[in-house]
């Protein structure tokens, strides 16, 4: 039913006495261990209540223990076993991007629509901020999300990205245009006007781009918007498109092209320049990055 091997939650230390009494009545063996009030074990399950207030649960019987005792008796919440009960299930569009901090590869922006039914599906597949998921899991989840939710995307390959950056002369202005473009597309297709965006600049930057598109929406911009499951799903799709774009570049130039902006990235760029010449960066990388400027000075 659930996917977490070790469940961890904060519990008021004032409940220590109740926990010990309840667990003993359930057949747990209680023992003292360093840095914890106690550890409790019985067949199929083990718990530790740390002095920090963290309470952990592990074992094959973990989920039943959480659902039938810990949540109703201690946590007074069904957020783990029934996350949909405490989640906003209203229809909305979430928007996020991937690739803006990566020297190589495209910039990908995704707007995704979800309603009560599809949000429940997103919960079941464990959709969350793409930065908290491995690349392999992102690609797997992205395939499910594509089949589940209507979405609009824009992936600017490096050549197009560099052309548009030269026009906008500012990354946030370019991002705003990309966001407004996918939002406009999806609003027209779904008629949904509630939009949540992971904030990337001063609110007025995107608001101006939305106004230019003449889109009438209820727009919310906030940092860490990936905490919203619909924005999280959009972040997964955006990252999947970015990873796919990077893979295509690797195949085209017969070299593994890395993510990010590390020394490995610079070394790979040097190899590409030696093999294909200085102009290669316009085809594979974001040339306004300092990495490109440093390479130009060195070659």
Protein backbone atom coordinates (compact mmCIF):
# COMPACT_ATOMS: atom_id res chain seq x y z
CA UNK A 1 0.00 0.00 0.00
CA UNK A 2 2.79 2.42 0.93
CA UNK A 3 6.31 3.02 -0.33
CA UNK A 4 8.29 4.40 2.64
CA UNK A 5 10.62 1.88 4.34
CA UNK A 6 11.10 3.96 7.48
CA UNK A 7 8.35 6.30 8.64
CA UNK A 8 9.53 9.32 10.66
CA UNK A 9 7.37 11.89 12.42
CA UNK A 10 7.68 14.54 15.14
CA UNK A 11 5.77 13.72 18.34
CA UNK A 12 5.25 15.85 21.46
CA UNK A 13 7.59 14.41 24.11
CA UNK A 14 4.79 14.88 26.66
CA UNK A 15 3.19 11.81 25.05
CA UNK A 16 6.13 9.59 26.05
CA UNK A 17 4.26 8.00 28.98
CA UNK A 18 1.16 7.25 26.90
CA UNK A 19 3.27 5.75 24.12
CA UNK A 20 5.13 3.42 26.49
CA UNK A 21 1.90 2.26 28.15
CA UNK A 22 0.10 1.74 24.83
CA UNK A 23 2.99 -0.11 23.23
CA UNK A 24 3.42 -2.40 26.23
CA UNK A 25 -0.31 -3.21 26.04
CA UNK A 26 0.21 -4.09 22.35
CA UNK A 27 2.96 -6.57 23.20
CA UNK A 28 6.01 -4.43 22.47
CA UNK A 29 9.22 -4.95 24.42
CA UNK A 30 10.50 -1.57 25.65
CA UNK A 31 14.22 -0.87 26.12
CA UNK A 32 16.46 2.15 26.65
CA UNK A 33 18.97 3.06 23.95
CA UNK A 34 21.38 6.03 23.61
CA UNK A 35 19.88 9.38 22.52
CA UNK A 36 16.34 8.02 22.74
CA UNK A 37 13.58 7.82 25.33
CA UNK A 38 13.06 4.21 24.29
CA UNK A 39 13.06 1.61 21.56
CA UNK A 40 10.09 -0.73 21.19
CA UNK A 41 10.04 -4.04 19.31
CA UNK A 42 7.74 -6.91 18.54
CA UNK A 43 7.43 -9.30 15.61
CA UNK A 44 7.18 -7.39 12.34
CA UNK A 45 7.70 -3.91 13.72
CA UNK A 46 10.17 -1.72 15.62
CA UNK A 47 9.91 1.87 16.88
CA UNK A 48 12.30 4.39 18.38
CA UNK A 49 11.29 7.60 20.17
CA UNK A 50 14.32 9.91 20.11
CA UNK A 51 15.03 12.66 22.63
CA UNK A 52 14.75 15.14 19.74
CA UNK A 53 11.06 14.26 19.48
CA UNK A 54 11.43 12.19 16.32
CA UNK A 55 9.56 8.89 16.28
CA UNK A 56 10.52 6.22 13.72
CA UNK A 57 8.64 3.09 12.67
CA UNK A 58 9.99 0.22 10.57
CA UNK A 59 9.04 -3.35 9.69
CA UNK A 60 6.56 -5.26 7.52
CA UNK A 61 3.67 -4.46 9.91
CA UNK A 62 4.55 -0.76 9.91
CA UNK A 63 1.62 0.48 7.82
CA UNK A 64 -1.07 -1.26 9.87
CA UNK A 65 0.49 0.10 13.09
CA UNK A 66 0.46 3.63 11.69
CA UNK A 67 -3.07 3.41 10.27
CA UNK A 68 -4.80 1.78 13.23
CA UNK A 69 -2.84 3.16 16.20
CA UNK A 70 -0.31 5.93 15.58
CA UNK A 71 -2.47 8.20 13.41
CA UNK A 72 -5.80 7.97 15.27
CA UNK A 73 -4.38 7.81 18.80
CA UNK A 74 -1.23 9.96 18.67
CA UNK A 75 -0.94 12.03 15.50
CA UNK A 76 -4.66 12.82 15.07
CA UNK A 77 -4.03 12.94 11.33
CA UNK A 78 -4.41 10.63 8.33
CA UNK A 79 -1.72 12.39 6.27
CA UNK A 80 0.34 9.20 5.78
CA UNK A 81 -2.24 6.47 5.21
CA UNK A 82 -4.81 8.69 3.51
CA UNK A 83 -2.92 11.75 2.20
CA UNK A 84 -5.85 12.76 0.02
CA UNK A 85 -7.83 13.51 3.20
CA UNK A 86 -5.55 16.43 4.06
CA UNK A 87 -4.66 17.55 0.55
CA UNK A 88 -6.15 20.24 -1.63
CA UNK A 89 -8.08 18.34 -4.32
CA UNK A 90 -9.36 21.39 -6.18
CA UNK A 91 -8.65 21.67 -9.91
CA UNK A 92 -5.59 23.75 -10.76
CA UNK A 93 -2.62 24.20 -13.06
CA UNK A 94 0.92 23.85 -11.73
CA UNK A 95 3.98 25.20 -13.55
CA UNK A 96 7.70 24.54 -13.15
CA UNK A 97 10.88 24.49 -15.20
CA UNK A 98 14.10 22.50 -15.46
CA UNK A 99 17.50 23.17 -16.96
CA UNK A 100 17.97 26.85 -16.15
CA UNK A 101 20.97 26.09 -13.92
CA UNK A 102 22.50 23.48 -16.25
CA UNK A 103 25.18 24.62 -18.70
CA UNK A 104 24.36 21.90 -21.22
CA UNK A 105 20.98 20.95 -22.58
CA UNK A 106 17.58 22.56 -23.04
CA UNK A 107 15.42 24.77 -20.86
CA UNK A 108 12.12 22.95 -20.31
CA UNK A 109 8.96 24.50 -18.88
CA UNK A 110 5.78 22.52 -18.14
CA UNK A 111 2.26 23.55 -17.18
CA UNK A 112 0.14 20.66 -15.90
CA UNK A 113 -3.57 20.47 -15.09
CA UNK A 114 -5.02 18.17 -12.42
CA UNK A 115 -8.44 17.74 -10.85
CA UNK A 116 -9.69 15.67 -7.90
CA UNK A 117 -9.41 12.36 -9.76
CA UNK A 118 -5.98 12.94 -11.24
CA UNK A 119 -4.59 14.48 -8.04
CA UNK A 120 -5.50 11.23 -6.29
CA UNK A 121 -3.51 9.36 -8.94
CA UNK A 122 -0.55 11.70 -8.42
CA UNK A 123 -0.69 10.92 -4.70
CA UNK A 124 -0.68 7.17 -5.38
CA UNK A 125 2.39 7.30 -7.61
CA UNK A 126 4.29 9.40 -5.07
CA UNK A 127 4.63 12.58 -7.12
CA UNK A 128 6.91 15.08 -5.36
CA UNK A 129 9.55 17.71 -6.09
CA UNK A 130 11.78 16.32 -8.84
CA UNK A 131 14.87 17.39 -6.87
CA UNK A 132 13.97 14.71 -4.32
CA UNK A 133 13.68 11.87 -6.87
CA UNK A 134 16.37 9.95 -8.76
CA UNK A 135 16.62 10.38 -12.52
CA UNK A 136 15.39 6.83 -13.16
CA UNK A 137 12.32 7.40 -10.98
CA UNK A 138 11.64 10.74 -12.66
CA UNK A 139 11.50 9.06 -16.07
CA UNK A 140 9.19 6.30 -14.77
CA UNK A 141 6.81 8.69 -13.02
CA UNK A 142 6.82 11.05 -16.00
CA UNK A 143 5.41 8.33 -18.28
CA UNK A 144 2.50 7.78 -15.88
CA UNK A 145 1.88 11.51 -15.45
CA UNK A 146 1.81 12.05 -19.23
CA UNK A 147 -0.99 9.48 -19.49
CA UNK A 148 -2.84 10.92 -16.50
CA UNK A 149 -2.87 14.72 -16.77
CA UNK A 150 -3.30 17.26 -19.58
CA UNK A 151 -0.15 19.34 -19.90
CA UNK A 152 1.65 21.84 -22.11
CA UNK A 153 5.41 22.04 -22.46
CA UNK A 154 8.09 24.14 -24.07
CA UNK A 155 11.63 22.84 -24.47
CA UNK A 156 14.14 25.32 -25.83
CA UNK A 157 17.08 23.45 -27.35
CA UNK A 158 20.39 25.28 -26.83
CA UNK A 159 20.44 26.96 -30.25
CA UNK A 160 16.91 28.33 -29.80
CA UNK A 161 17.61 29.18 -26.15
CA UNK A 162 20.68 31.22 -27.10
CA UNK A 163 18.76 32.98 -29.87
CA UNK A 164 15.95 33.98 -27.49
CA UNK A 165 18.33 34.92 -24.68
CA UNK A 166 20.04 37.35 -27.07
CA UNK A 167 16.61 38.87 -27.70
CA UNK A 168 15.43 39.08 -24.07
CA UNK A 169 18.90 39.78 -22.62
CA UNK A 170 17.67 38.55 -19.23
CA UNK A 171 17.01 35.02 -18.02
CA UNK A 172 13.98 35.94 -15.92
CA UNK A 173 12.33 37.71 -18.86
CA UNK A 174 12.92 34.62 -21.00
CA UNK A 175 11.55 32.38 -18.26
CA UNK A 176 8.47 34.58 -17.92
CA UNK A 177 7.79 34.32 -21.66
CA UNK A 178 8.14 30.52 -21.50
CA UNK A 179 5.84 30.26 -18.48
CA UNK A 180 3.23 32.54 -20.00
CA UNK A 181 3.32 30.53 -23.24
CA UNK A 182 2.61 27.15 -21.63
CA UNK A 183 0.04 28.64 -19.25
CA UNK A 184 -1.80 30.27 -22.16
CA UNK A 185 -1.82 26.94 -24.03
CA UNK A 186 -3.20 24.93 -21.13
CA UNK A 187 -5.74 27.50 -19.94
CA UNK A 188 -7.26 27.52 -23.42
CA UNK A 189 -7.43 23.71 -23.48
CA UNK A 190 -8.77 23.12 -19.97
CA UNK A 191 -10.61 26.38 -19.12
CA UNK A 192 -8.92 26.21 -15.70
CA UNK A 193 -7.93 29.66 -14.44
CA UNK A 194 -6.28 28.73 -11.12
CA UNK A 195 -2.52 28.64 -11.67
CA UNK A 196 0.35 28.03 -9.23
CA UNK A 197 3.91 28.77 -10.32
CA UNK A 198 7.22 28.06 -8.62
CA UNK A 199 8.41 31.66 -8.24
CA UNK A 200 11.62 32.43 -10.17
CA UNK A 201 11.67 36.27 -10.09
CA UNK A 202 9.81 39.27 -8.70
CA UNK A 203 6.08 38.57 -9.20
CA UNK A 204 5.70 41.53 -11.56
CA UNK A 205 7.99 39.87 -14.14
CA UNK A 206 5.62 36.97 -14.82
CA UNK A 207 2.53 39.12 -14.27
CA UNK A 208 3.67 41.38 -17.14
CA UNK A 209 4.20 38.39 -19.46
CA UNK A 210 0.75 37.03 -18.54
CA UNK A 211 -0.80 40.42 -19.23
CA UNK A 212 0.86 40.56 -22.65
CA UNK A 213 -0.75 37.20 -23.47
CA UNK A 214 -4.11 38.63 -22.34
CA UNK A 215 -4.75 35.64 -20.06
CA UNK A 216 -7.35 36.11 -17.32
CA UNK A 217 -6.21 33.83 -14.48
CA UNK A 218 -5.92 33.63 -10.71
CA UNK A 219 -2.13 33.44 -10.45
CA UNK A 220 -0.18 32.40 -7.35
CA UNK A 221 3.61 32.63 -7.34
CA UNK A 222 5.55 31.24 -4.39
CA UNK A 223 8.93 29.82 -3.55
CA UNK A 224 9.08 26.05 -2.94
CA UNK A 225 5.80 25.71 -4.83
CA UNK A 226 6.80 22.09 -5.56
CA UNK A 227 5.29 21.35 -2.15
CA UNK A 228 2.00 21.51 -4.07
CA UNK A 229 1.56 18.11 -5.71
CA UNK A 230 0.38 19.57 -9.04
CA UNK A 231 3.48 21.78 -9.29
CA UNK A 232 5.55 18.76 -8.22
CA UNK A 233 4.10 16.73 -11.10
CA UNK A 234 4.96 19.58 -13.49
CA UNK A 235 8.51 19.60 -12.10
CA UNK A 236 8.81 15.87 -12.79
CA UNK A 237 7.73 16.29 -16.42
CA UNK A 238 10.03 19.28 -16.92
CA UNK A 239 12.99 17.36 -15.53
CA UNK A 240 12.15 14.30 -17.64
CA UNK A 241 12.12 16.43 -20.80
CA UNK A 242 15.43 17.99 -19.76
CA UNK A 243 17.04 14.58 -19.15
CA UNK A 244 15.77 13.33 -22.49
CA UNK A 245 17.19 16.41 -24.20
CA UNK A 246 20.57 15.84 -22.57
CA UNK A 247 20.52 12.19 -23.66
CA UNK A 248 19.82 13.18 -27.27
CA UNK A 249 22.76 15.59 -27.23
CA UNK A 250 25.00 12.86 -25.83
CA UNK A 251 23.95 10.52 -28.64
CA UNK A 252 24.40 13.20 -31.32
CA UNK A 253 27.98 14.02 -30.33
CA UNK A 254 29.06 10.57 -29.06
CA UNK A 255 30.04 11.87 -25.62
CA UNK A 256 28.34 11.70 -22.22
CA UNK A 257 27.11 15.22 -21.55
CA UNK A 258 26.73 15.88 -17.79
CA UNK A 259 24.19 17.91 -15.82
CA UNK A 260 24.91 21.01 -13.77
CA UNK A 261 27.83 23.43 -14.06
CA UNK A 262 30.73 21.54 -12.44
CA UNK A 263 34.38 21.01 -13.43
CA UNK A 264 33.25 17.86 -15.24
CA UNK A 265 30.94 20.05 -17.31
CA UNK A 266 33.83 22.36 -18.25
CA UNK A 267 36.07 19.40 -19.10
CA UNK A 268 33.36 17.96 -21.36
CA UNK A 269 32.96 21.33 -23.06
CA UNK A 270 36.72 21.43 -23.71
CA UNK A 271 36.56 17.99 -25.36
CA UNK A 272 33.67 19.11 -27.55
CA UNK A 273 35.51 22.27 -28.59
CA UNK A 274 38.65 20.27 -29.49
CA UNK A 275 36.59 17.90 -31.64
CA UNK A 276 34.02 20.24 -33.20
CA UNK A 277 35.39 23.78 -32.80
CA UNK A 278 34.30 26.80 -30.73
CA UNK A 279 30.89 27.12 -32.37
CA UNK A 280 29.79 23.78 -30.89
CA UNK A 281 28.80 25.48 -27.62
CA UNK A 282 25.98 27.36 -29.35
CA UNK A 283 24.46 23.98 -30.25
CA UNK A 284 24.84 22.19 -26.92
CA UNK A 285 25.09 24.80 -24.15
CA UNK A 286 23.74 28.06 -22.74
CA UNK A 287 26.40 30.46 -23.93
CA UNK A 288 25.65 33.30 -21.50
CA UNK A 289 26.97 31.14 -18.64
CA UNK A 290 30.39 32.16 -17.25
CA UNK A 291 31.61 28.68 -18.18
CA UNK A 292 31.26 29.56 -21.87
CA UNK A 293 32.92 32.94 -21.41
CA UNK A 294 35.87 31.35 -19.55
CA UNK A 295 36.27 28.70 -22.26
CA UNK A 296 36.23 31.38 -24.95
CA UNK A 297 39.05 33.22 -23.18
CA UNK A 298 41.06 30.03 -22.83
CA UNK A 299 40.73 28.87 -26.44
